[in-house]
Amino acid sequence: MAQLARSVVLQLSKTGGPPSNGSVGYVNDRIAGTLATHGWDVHAFAAPRPVLATAQESMIPLALATSRLQHARAGRAQLAIHDGAGLSIRSPSRAWADRHMVLYHGLAYGPGAWLGNDAVDLHVANSAYLARSLRAIFAMPDWAARTVLDPSGLGRVCDIPMPLPCVAAPDGDPDFTIGVELPDVVRRAADAGVVLGHALQPGKQDLMATVAVMFWLNDALRRSGGRRAMLVISEASLPPDLRQGIDAMLAGTGLDCAAMFLPVPLLRQRALFELFRIAGFGLAYNTFPEPFGFYALESVHAGCPLYTNGAGNNRFLLPPAHGINVVDTPAMASNAAGQPDPAAFAVVAEAIVAALDDPARTAAECRRGRALIDATWSTGAFEAGLMRAVDRALGAPGDAPAFEALRIAYSPLLRALDPGTGQTRNDYGDQVLSRDAVALVASVLGRTTANLAADEISAIVRHRLFEGGVLALTAEAPD
């Protein structure tokens, strides 16, 4: 195959806007132009178009096969950039590109294509949290072989700042045209004095936790002056069967779904930002561990504080008193039946009421958050970070750390561990550790693998502390 100087192949999902295809599409659509500006010859993979309108392309990928042939004619590339979903197009291999870089919007796609693949020269995360999570996965220990899953991968991870649409277009990017305008019923509720909240992340939220917050919030508002609160929520989050079940659960309380929720269809970005400007609070009590957190940042940027259990990167996005409020306790963990204790969420309602009663403080916190957002997640910052990552992918690989020098640390997935009860809050999944496991964790933290006794290693394996996301190995020096 012929070699193309400064040639790059892009295997990225959700590209081709406008209209922008969500936050992933917004980010990916900016990569080709940035590379071209810096002198790269860009060959971007485009979704194949089947020749038949009725083609079963998802089951029989003839159009993809044709597209692969067309790309093969372009010759061997110097660099290939993939995102997670793009890895399904063609796996990283030296056979068709000298260097490979993967941009992770999350870890849900194609782990078999990047886990332990030596052809990936750089793993680029969309947040420092996701970068730490990648390193923890690569450093999964094989105690018998005295090695980890991907030793070289530990030195091939970085993170870059994402471009936030609200920084460039505070009223909403006009290319985000998918969705509807803000329904009049929402504006009428605001005009009537209802305290509006928002939680528009279907598929991510813990609905029972969200219901509990709204129950206690309405209880607190009723006792403090007769106000009431309603949450603007996705129609997809509240289908009829769930609505009926929640209403049955709330029977006799004086509240039901109709009193607490305003279901809406998918909103286009301008409508979403309008909602943020008139809402008094946002909720992100999620089971989904957020890899980055566009939604939370956009809420604060528009002046609306957000309350969250901090799942994923939500707990790291902004410092305290900058608009994102992490209110998470071990009592919020789900029980054996998979349901949290509703009473545990009264503390969230109390925090929201305190903020509503002190609007000057709340507004100042969001202004601080907005200033930090503007300074951190601009298009310029993304482009500079992307090109630094490209330079690193093309450079010499770093040395893999020695196994014996790795230290035991808390996993980046661990949000909290109550040493008294053993209850954990964890992005991978909550669990209750035994007293022996809690004592073991305390005794091994900060120690190198070289300084662990055989019986300690056996106990670590027995309690599954690495597989459960409680502990991780790290090459970083202790704090």
Protein backbone atom coordinates (compact mmCIF):
# COMPACT_ATOMS: atom_id res chain seq x y z
CA MET A 1 0.00 0.00 0.00
CA ALA A 2 1.18 3.51 -0.78
CA GLN A 3 1.88 5.84 2.15
CA LEU A 4 0.09 9.20 2.24
CA ALA A 5 2.12 11.88 4.05
CA ARG A 6 0.16 13.65 6.78
CA SER A 7 -2.90 11.54 5.93
CA VAL A 8 -5.51 10.78 8.57
CA VAL A 9 -8.53 8.51 8.45
CA LEU A 10 -11.46 9.39 10.72
CA GLN A 11 -13.75 6.62 11.91
CA LEU A 12 -16.17 8.66 13.98
CA SER A 13 -19.85 8.19 14.77
CA LYS A 14 -22.75 10.66 14.52
CA THR A 15 -20.95 12.98 12.11
CA GLY A 16 -22.31 14.86 9.11
CA GLY A 17 -24.14 17.73 10.79
CA PRO A 18 -25.93 20.02 10.67
CA PRO A 19 -28.16 19.08 12.25
CA SER A 20 -25.81 18.16 15.07
CA ASN A 21 -26.41 14.62 16.26
CA GLY A 22 -26.18 15.19 20.00
CA SER A 23 -23.09 16.09 22.00
CA VAL A 24 -21.03 13.29 20.44
CA GLY A 25 -21.85 14.52 16.94
CA TYR A 26 -21.08 18.11 17.93
CA VAL A 27 -17.61 17.12 19.12
CA ASN A 28 -16.83 14.73 16.27
CA ASP A 29 -17.93 17.21 13.61
CA ARG A 30 -15.16 19.58 14.73
CA ILE A 31 -12.30 17.12 14.30
CA ALA A 32 -11.98 17.06 10.49
CA GLY A 33 -11.87 20.85 10.16
CA THR A 34 -9.32 21.21 12.93
CA LEU A 35 -7.01 18.64 11.35
CA ALA A 36 -7.38 20.16 7.87
CA THR A 37 -6.46 23.58 9.26
CA HIS A 38 -3.24 22.04 10.59
CA GLY A 39 -2.29 20.62 7.21
CA TRP A 40 -3.68 17.09 7.41
CA ASP A 41 -5.18 15.29 4.41
CA VAL A 42 -8.44 14.08 5.96
CA HIS A 43 -10.33 10.99 4.82
CA ALA A 44 -13.51 10.77 6.89
CA PHE A 45 -15.58 7.63 6.93
CA ALA A 46 -19.19 8.33 6.03
CA ALA A 47 -22.11 6.10 6.91
CA PRO A 48 -22.71 3.78 3.93
CA ARG A 49 -25.82 4.31 1.85
CA PRO A 50 -27.48 1.04 0.79
CA VAL A 51 -28.59 0.87 -2.84
CA LEU A 52 -32.04 -0.40 -1.78
CA ALA A 53 -34.44 1.51 0.46
CA THR A 54 -35.51 -1.78 2.01
CA ALA A 55 -31.99 -3.13 2.49
CA GLN A 56 -31.28 -5.06 5.70
CA GLU A 57 -27.88 -3.41 6.05
CA SER A 58 -27.70 -3.89 9.84
CA MET A 59 -27.93 -7.66 9.33
CA ILE A 60 -26.07 -7.99 6.00
CA PRO A 61 -23.48 -5.14 5.71
CA LEU A 62 -23.01 -5.00 1.94
CA ALA A 63 -22.86 -1.19 1.83
CA LEU A 64 -20.24 -1.20 4.58
CA ALA A 65 -18.18 -3.71 2.62
CA THR A 66 -18.32 -1.45 -0.45
CA SER A 67 -17.30 1.56 1.64
CA ARG A 68 -14.36 -0.38 3.10
CA LEU A 69 -13.13 -1.12 -0.42
CA GLN A 70 -13.28 2.58 -1.32
CA HIS A 71 -11.26 3.52 1.76
CA ALA A 72 -8.70 0.82 1.07
CA ARG A 73 -7.93 2.46 -2.29
CA ALA A 74 -6.76 5.59 -0.45
CA GLY A 75 -3.69 3.71 0.73
CA ARG A 76 -2.05 3.41 4.11
CA ALA A 77 -2.65 6.33 6.44
CA GLN A 78 -0.20 7.91 8.84
CA LEU A 79 -2.88 8.22 11.51
CA ALA A 80 -6.37 6.89 12.21
CA ILE A 81 -8.68 8.45 14.78
CA HIS A 82 -11.58 6.39 16.05
CA ASP A 83 -14.31 6.92 18.61
CA GLY A 84 -15.85 4.00 20.50
CA ALA A 85 -18.64 3.34 18.04
CA GLY A 86 -16.29 3.94 15.11
CA LEU A 87 -14.17 0.97 16.21
CA SER A 88 -16.88 -1.30 14.80
CA ILE A 89 -16.05 -0.03 11.28
CA ARG A 90 -12.47 -1.31 11.27
CA SER A 91 -10.34 -2.35 14.23
CA PRO A 92 -7.02 -0.57 14.86
CA SER A 93 -4.20 -2.38 13.05
CA ARG A 94 -0.76 -1.46 11.71
CA ALA A 95 -1.83 -3.06 8.43
CA TRP A 96 -3.74 0.04 7.33
CA ALA A 97 -2.46 2.93 9.48
CA ASP A 98 0.87 3.68 11.14
CA ARG A 99 -0.67 5.12 14.31
CA HIS A 100 -4.06 4.88 15.94
CA MET A 101 -5.80 7.15 18.43
CA VAL A 102 -9.14 6.44 20.11
CA LEU A 103 -11.33 9.26 21.43
CA TYR A 104 -13.61 7.98 24.18
CA HIS A 105 -16.99 9.62 24.74
CA GLY A 106 -17.61 6.73 27.14
CA LEU A 107 -16.62 3.10 27.45
CA ALA A 108 -19.78 1.43 26.18
CA TYR A 109 -18.63 0.60 22.65
CA GLY A 110 -16.13 -1.88 21.27
CA PRO A 111 -14.08 -2.81 24.35
CA GLY A 112 -12.85 -5.89 22.54
CA ALA A 113 -11.23 -3.63 19.93
CA TRP A 114 -9.25 -1.45 22.37
CA LEU A 115 -8.64 -3.54 25.48
CA GLY A 116 -5.06 -4.75 25.25
CA ASN A 117 -4.70 -3.73 21.60
CA ASP A 118 -1.06 -2.70 21.09
CA ALA A 119 -2.02 -0.94 17.84
CA VAL A 120 -3.72 1.83 19.83
CA ASP A 121 -1.01 4.42 20.41
CA LEU A 122 -3.11 6.82 22.46
CA HIS A 123 -6.34 6.51 24.41
CA VAL A 124 -7.92 9.97 24.62
CA ALA A 125 -10.63 10.44 27.24
CA ASN A 126 -13.19 13.24 27.32
CA SER A 127 -12.49 13.90 31.03
CA ALA A 128 -9.84 13.27 33.64
CA TYR A 129 -12.32 10.96 35.39
CA LEU A 130 -12.67 8.79 32.29
CA ALA A 131 -8.88 8.77 31.85
CA ARG A 132 -8.47 7.48 35.42
CA SER A 133 -11.14 4.85 34.74
CA LEU A 134 -9.30 3.68 31.62
CA ARG A 135 -6.04 3.38 33.55
CA ALA A 136 -7.82 1.38 36.27
CA ILE A 137 -9.09 -1.06 33.63
CA PHE A 138 -5.69 -1.38 31.97
CA ALA A 139 -4.15 -1.97 35.40
CA MET A 140 -6.45 -4.87 36.33
CA PRO A 141 -3.93 -7.15 38.08
CA ASP A 142 -2.94 -10.70 37.29
CA TRP A 143 -1.38 -11.51 40.64
CA ALA A 144 -0.09 -14.92 39.60
CA ALA A 145 1.73 -13.56 36.54
CA ARG A 146 2.77 -10.35 38.35
CA THR A 147 1.48 -8.15 35.55
CA VAL A 148 -1.59 -6.18 34.53
CA LEU A 149 -4.05 -6.43 31.66
CA ASP A 150 -2.34 -3.80 29.49
CA PRO A 151 0.96 -2.52 30.91
CA SER A 152 1.77 -0.31 27.91
CA GLY A 153 -1.74 1.14 27.92
CA LEU A 154 -1.12 2.77 31.30
CA GLY A 155 1.29 5.20 29.67
CA ARG A 156 -0.90 5.81 26.63
CA VAL A 157 -3.85 7.60 28.24
CA CYS A 158 -4.63 11.31 28.27
CA ASP A 159 -7.68 13.56 28.40
CA ILE A 160 -8.61 16.67 26.46
CA PRO A 161 -11.27 19.36 27.10
CA MET A 162 -14.53 18.97 25.22
CA PRO A 163 -16.09 21.91 23.32
CA LEU A 164 -19.33 22.99 24.98
CA PRO A 165 -21.98 24.39 22.60
CA CYS A 166 -23.19 26.84 25.27
CA VAL A 167 -19.78 28.53 25.42
CA ALA A 168 -19.94 29.46 21.73
CA ALA A 169 -23.74 29.91 21.62
CA PRO A 170 -25.22 30.67 25.08
CA ASP A 171 -28.79 30.71 23.72
CA GLY A 172 -28.31 27.38 21.95
CA ASP A 173 -26.48 26.31 18.81
CA PRO A 174 -28.74 26.76 15.77
CA ASP A 175 -27.40 23.50 14.31
CA PHE A 176 -29.13 21.55 17.10
CA THR A 177 -32.48 21.43 15.31
CA ILE A 178 -33.58 17.96 16.36
CA GLY A 179 -36.46 18.22 18.82
CA VAL A 180 -39.34 20.59 19.54
CA GLU A 181 -39.76 24.07 21.01
CA LEU A 182 -40.51 24.47 24.71
CA PRO A 183 -44.18 23.50 25.23
CA ASP A 184 -46.49 26.29 26.39
CA VAL A 185 -47.56 24.20 29.40
CA VAL A 186 -44.06 24.67 30.83
CA ARG A 187 -44.15 28.44 30.40
CA ARG A 188 -47.64 28.62 31.90
CA ALA A 189 -46.48 26.71 34.97
CA ALA A 190 -43.58 29.14 35.42
CA ASP A 191 -45.89 32.14 35.00
CA ALA A 192 -48.20 30.65 37.64
CA GLY A 193 -45.40 30.65 40.20
CA VAL A 194 -44.58 26.95 40.12
CA VAL A 195 -40.95 26.20 41.03
CA LEU A 196 -39.71 24.42 37.94
CA GLY A 197 -36.96 21.84 37.85
CA HIS A 198 -35.54 19.80 35.02
CA ALA A 199 -34.25 16.23 34.63
CA LEU A 200 -34.15 15.48 30.90
CA GLN A 201 -31.75 12.55 30.67
CA PRO A 202 -33.86 9.51 29.78
CA GLY A 203 -32.09 6.24 30.27
CA LYS A 204 -29.64 7.75 32.74
CA GLN A 205 -31.69 8.73 35.77
CA ASP A 206 -32.68 6.75 38.84
CA LEU A 207 -36.41 7.40 38.57
CA MET A 208 -37.25 6.32 42.13
CA ALA A 209 -34.59 8.64 43.53
CA THR A 210 -35.98 11.46 41.37
CA VAL A 211 -39.52 10.79 42.60
CA ALA A 212 -38.30 10.82 46.20
CA VAL A 213 -36.56 14.18 45.76
CA MET A 214 -39.70 15.70 44.26
CA PHE A 215 -41.89 14.30 47.04
CA TRP A 216 -39.73 15.77 49.79
CA LEU A 217 -39.28 19.03 47.91
CA ASN A 218 -43.02 19.56 47.61
CA ASP A 219 -43.44 18.62 51.25
CA ALA A 220 -40.82 21.17 52.31
CA LEU A 221 -42.20 23.92 50.04
CA ARG A 222 -45.72 23.36 51.31
CA ARG A 223 -44.53 23.75 54.89
CA SER A 224 -42.52 26.88 54.08
CA GLY A 225 -45.11 29.01 52.36
CA GLY A 226 -47.39 26.97 50.18
CA ARG A 227 -45.25 26.84 47.04
CA ARG A 228 -45.10 23.76 44.85
CA ALA A 229 -42.53 22.30 42.49
CA MET A 230 -42.81 20.44 39.22
CA LEU A 231 -40.09 18.65 37.32
CA VAL A 232 -39.83 18.87 33.54
CA ILE A 233 -38.98 15.30 32.58
CA SER A 234 -38.69 13.33 29.36
CA GLU A 235 -41.79 11.51 28.17
CA ALA A 236 -39.53 8.50 27.69
CA SER A 237 -38.71 8.47 31.42
CA LEU A 238 -42.32 8.29 32.52
CA PRO A 239 -44.30 5.81 30.36
CA PRO A 240 -47.87 4.97 31.43
CA ASP A 241 -47.00 1.76 33.29
CA LEU A 242 -44.37 3.47 35.43
CA ARG A 243 -46.67 6.42 35.99
CA GLN A 244 -49.40 4.12 37.29
CA GLY A 245 -46.98 2.36 39.61
CA ILE A 246 -45.69 5.63 41.05
CA ASP A 247 -49.22 6.95 41.54
CA ALA A 248 -50.10 3.78 43.44
CA MET A 249 -47.02 4.18 45.61
CA LEU A 250 -47.97 7.80 46.38
CA ALA A 251 -51.63 7.05 47.11
CA GLY A 252 -52.82 8.92 50.19
CA THR A 253 -49.95 11.44 50.20
CA GLY A 254 -51.80 14.15 48.30
CA LEU A 255 -49.28 13.95 45.48
CA ASP A 256 -49.16 12.06 42.21
CA CYS A 257 -47.26 12.21 38.93
CA ALA A 258 -49.60 14.83 37.48
CA ALA A 259 -48.83 17.11 40.43
CA MET A 260 -45.05 16.64 40.32
CA PHE A 261 -44.04 16.12 36.68
CA LEU A 262 -44.35 17.86 33.33
CA PRO A 263 -43.42 15.25 30.69
CA VAL A 264 -42.13 16.73 27.42
CA PRO A 265 -40.82 15.30 24.14
CA LEU A 266 -37.22 15.78 23.06
CA LEU A 267 -36.40 19.50 23.13
CA ARG A 268 -34.12 21.17 20.62
CA GLN A 269 -31.16 22.88 22.20
CA ARG A 270 -32.54 26.45 22.13
CA ALA A 271 -35.67 25.21 23.93
CA LEU A 272 -33.58 23.28 26.46
CA PHE A 273 -31.51 26.35 27.29
CA GLU A 274 -34.68 28.43 27.60
CA LEU A 275 -35.93 25.89 30.15
CA PHE A 276 -32.67 26.14 32.08
CA ARG A 277 -33.09 29.92 32.29
CA ILE A 278 -36.57 29.75 33.83
CA ALA A 279 -35.98 26.71 36.05
CA GLY A 280 -34.96 26.96 39.68
CA PHE A 281 -33.04 23.71 39.86
CA GLY A 282 -31.94 20.66 37.90
CA LEU A 283 -31.63 17.03 39.00
CA ALA A 284 -29.13 14.41 37.87
CA TYR A 285 -29.71 11.54 40.29
CA ASN A 286 -28.43 8.97 37.85
CA THR A 287 -27.46 5.34 37.76
CA PHE A 288 -25.53 6.05 34.55
CA PRO A 289 -21.89 6.99 35.32
CA GLU A 290 -21.52 10.17 33.24
CA PRO A 291 -18.25 10.12 31.25
CA PHE A 292 -18.23 13.91 30.83
CA GLY A 293 -21.38 15.89 31.71
CA PHE A 294 -22.62 18.29 29.03
CA TYR A 295 -26.07 18.50 30.61
CA ALA A 296 -24.89 19.54 34.06
CA LEU A 297 -22.54 22.20 32.71
CA GLU A 298 -25.13 23.62 30.32
CA SER A 299 -27.61 24.01 33.19
CA VAL A 300 -25.15 25.97 35.33
CA HIS A 301 -24.03 28.05 32.33
CA ALA A 302 -27.65 29.17 31.90
CA GLY A 303 -27.90 30.12 35.59
CA CYS A 304 -29.69 27.04 36.92
CA PRO A 305 -28.02 25.10 39.75
CA LEU A 306 -27.92 21.32 39.46
CA TYR A 307 -28.17 18.71 42.22
CA THR A 308 -26.64 15.29 41.66
CA ASN A 309 -25.46 12.12 43.33
CA GLY A 310 -22.23 12.70 41.43
CA ALA A 311 -22.34 9.53 39.36
CA GLY A 312 -19.41 9.51 36.95
CA ASN A 313 -17.74 12.80 36.13
CA ASN A 314 -20.62 14.90 37.48
CA ARG A 315 -18.86 15.05 40.85
CA PHE A 316 -15.65 16.41 39.34
CA LEU A 317 -16.95 18.97 36.83
CA LEU A 318 -16.86 22.10 38.99
CA PRO A 319 -15.53 23.03 42.44
CA PRO A 320 -17.98 23.50 45.34
CA ALA A 321 -20.05 26.71 45.26
CA HIS A 322 -19.91 26.85 41.43
CA GLY A 323 -23.43 25.65 40.66
CA ILE A 324 -23.15 21.84 40.75
CA ASN A 325 -24.16 20.48 44.14
CA VAL A 326 -23.17 16.90 44.91
CA VAL A 327 -25.52 15.57 47.57
CA ASP A 328 -24.84 11.87 47.99
CA THR A 329 -24.90 9.70 51.10
CA PRO A 330 -24.46 5.96 51.76
CA ALA A 331 -28.13 5.87 52.81
CA MET A 332 -29.10 6.51 49.18
CA ALA A 333 -27.78 3.11 48.09
CA SER A 334 -30.38 0.68 46.81
CA ASN A 335 -31.52 -2.22 48.96
CA ALA A 336 -31.53 -5.90 48.01
CA ALA A 337 -34.66 -5.32 45.93
CA GLY A 338 -32.87 -2.63 43.93
CA GLN A 339 -34.79 0.30 45.46
CA PRO A 340 -33.36 3.19 47.50
CA ASP A 341 -34.89 4.39 50.78
CA PRO A 342 -37.06 7.39 49.82
CA ALA A 343 -36.36 9.07 53.17
CA ALA A 344 -32.66 9.35 52.28
CA PHE A 345 -33.43 11.99 49.65
CA ALA A 346 -35.03 14.52 51.98
CA VAL A 347 -31.57 16.09 52.35
CA VAL A 348 -31.57 16.95 48.65
CA ALA A 349 -34.90 18.75 49.00
CA GLU A 350 -33.52 20.70 51.95
CA ALA A 351 -30.54 21.83 49.88
CA ILE A 352 -32.80 22.97 47.03
CA VAL A 353 -35.09 24.92 49.36
CA ALA A 354 -32.08 26.63 50.98
CA ALA A 355 -30.88 27.72 47.53
CA LEU A 356 -34.34 28.93 46.47
CA ASP A 357 -34.53 31.00 49.66
CA ASP A 358 -31.16 32.62 48.94
CA PRO A 359 -31.32 33.55 45.24
CA ALA A 360 -28.42 36.01 45.42
CA ARG A 361 -26.02 33.31 46.66
CA THR A 362 -27.33 30.79 44.12
CA ALA A 363 -26.95 33.26 41.23
CA ALA A 364 -23.40 34.14 42.31
CA GLU A 365 -22.43 30.46 42.41
CA CYS A 366 -23.75 29.91 38.89
CA ARG A 367 -21.89 33.00 37.64
CA ARG A 368 -18.66 31.59 39.04
CA GLY A 369 -19.46 28.29 37.37
CA ARG A 370 -20.18 29.97 34.05
CA ALA A 371 -16.89 31.86 34.10
CA LEU A 372 -14.96 28.64 34.77
CA ILE A 373 -16.92 26.80 32.05
CA ASP A 374 -16.13 29.51 29.51
CA ALA A 375 -12.45 29.37 30.42
CA THR A 376 -12.18 25.58 30.30
CA TRP A 377 -14.43 24.09 27.60
CA SER A 378 -14.20 26.38 24.58
CA THR A 379 -13.76 25.28 20.97
CA GLY A 380 -10.24 26.74 21.05
CA ALA A 381 -9.34 24.67 24.11
CA PHE A 382 -10.66 21.54 22.40
CA GLU A 383 -8.71 22.17 19.21
CA ALA A 384 -5.49 22.79 21.12
CA GLY A 385 -6.03 19.64 23.20
CA LEU A 386 -6.80 17.58 20.11
CA MET A 387 -3.60 18.64 18.35
CA ARG A 388 -1.52 17.94 21.49
CA ALA A 389 -3.02 14.46 21.52
CA VAL A 390 -2.20 13.97 17.82
CA ASP A 391 1.40 14.98 18.43
CA ARG A 392 1.60 12.55 21.32
CA ALA A 393 0.09 9.71 19.27
CA LEU A 394 2.77 10.26 16.63
CA GLY A 395 5.59 10.41 19.18
CA ALA A 396 7.56 7.71 20.93
CA PRO A 397 5.51 5.59 23.35
CA GLY A 398 6.19 5.95 27.04
CA ASP A 399 7.71 3.18 29.12
CA ALA A 400 5.34 0.78 30.84
CA PRO A 401 5.59 1.02 34.63
CA ALA A 402 7.02 -1.95 36.50
CA PHE A 403 4.36 -4.06 38.17
CA GLU A 404 6.21 -4.05 41.50
CA ALA A 405 6.13 -0.23 41.54
CA LEU A 406 2.36 0.08 41.15
CA ARG A 407 0.44 1.24 44.20
CA ILE A 408 -2.98 0.30 45.52
CA ALA A 409 -5.45 3.18 45.55
CA TYR A 410 -9.18 3.66 45.73
CA SER A 411 -10.77 2.97 42.37
CA PRO A 412 -11.83 6.11 40.50
CA LEU A 413 -15.30 4.53 40.41
CA LEU A 414 -15.66 4.60 44.19
CA ARG A 415 -17.66 7.60 45.39
CA ALA A 416 -17.86 6.77 49.09
CA LEU A 417 -17.13 4.01 51.61
CA ASP A 418 -18.71 4.08 55.05
CA PRO A 419 -16.17 2.28 57.26
CA GLY A 420 -18.78 1.66 59.94
CA THR A 421 -21.33 -0.15 57.80
CA GLY A 422 -19.22 -1.14 54.79
CA GLN A 423 -21.74 0.52 52.47
CA THR A 424 -20.21 1.82 49.27
CA ARG A 425 -21.44 4.27 46.66
CA ASN A 426 -19.86 3.21 43.41
CA ASP A 427 -20.24 4.04 39.74
CA TYR A 428 -19.84 0.35 38.91
CA GLY A 429 -22.41 -0.73 41.48
CA ASP A 430 -23.09 -0.22 45.18
CA GLN A 431 -22.25 -3.02 47.58
CA VAL A 432 -21.80 -3.65 51.29
CA LEU A 433 -18.31 -4.78 52.23
CA SER A 434 -17.75 -7.11 55.14
CA ARG A 435 -15.85 -5.87 58.18
CA ASP A 436 -12.87 -7.95 57.07
CA ALA A 437 -12.97 -6.36 53.62
CA VAL A 438 -13.15 -2.85 55.08
CA ALA A 439 -10.16 -3.56 57.32
CA LEU A 440 -8.26 -5.05 54.39
CA VAL A 441 -8.88 -1.97 52.25
CA ALA A 442 -7.57 0.29 54.98
CA SER A 443 -4.45 -1.83 55.46
CA VAL A 444 -3.38 -2.06 51.79
CA LEU A 445 -4.13 1.48 50.56
CA GLY A 446 -1.03 3.29 49.35
CA ARG A 447 1.21 0.23 49.40
CA THR A 448 3.06 -1.08 46.36
CA THR A 449 2.38 -4.51 44.94
CA ALA A 450 5.93 -5.46 45.95
CA ASN A 451 5.03 -4.91 49.61
CA LEU A 452 1.96 -7.14 49.75
CA ALA A 453 2.11 -10.49 51.50
CA ALA A 454 0.70 -13.60 49.83
CA ASP A 455 -2.18 -13.85 52.31
CA GLU A 456 -3.11 -10.21 51.65
CA ILE A 457 -3.22 -10.84 47.90
CA SER A 458 -5.38 -13.90 48.48
CA ALA A 459 -7.77 -11.83 50.58
CA ILE A 460 -7.94 -9.09 47.92
CA VAL A 461 -8.86 -11.72 45.33
CA ARG A 462 -11.37 -13.39 47.65
CA HIS A 463 -13.20 -10.12 48.34
CA ARG A 464 -13.10 -9.17 44.62
CA LEU A 465 -12.04 -5.64 45.46
CA PHE A 466 -10.63 -4.89 42.02
CA GLU A 467 -13.45 -6.52 40.05
CA GLY A 468 -15.98 -4.64 42.19
CA GLY A 469 -14.45 -1.24 41.50
CA VAL A 470 -13.31 -0.64 45.08
CA LEU A 471 -9.55 -0.72 44.52
CA ALA A 472 -7.28 -0.03 41.55
CA LEU A 473 -3.57 -0.04 40.80
CA THR A 474 -1.95 3.24 39.91
CA ALA A 475 1.46 4.43 38.80
CA GLU A 476 0.83 7.84 40.36
CA ALA A 477 2.65 8.86 43.52
CA PRO A 478 0.48 8.97 46.67
CA ASP A 479 -0.94 12.33 47.71
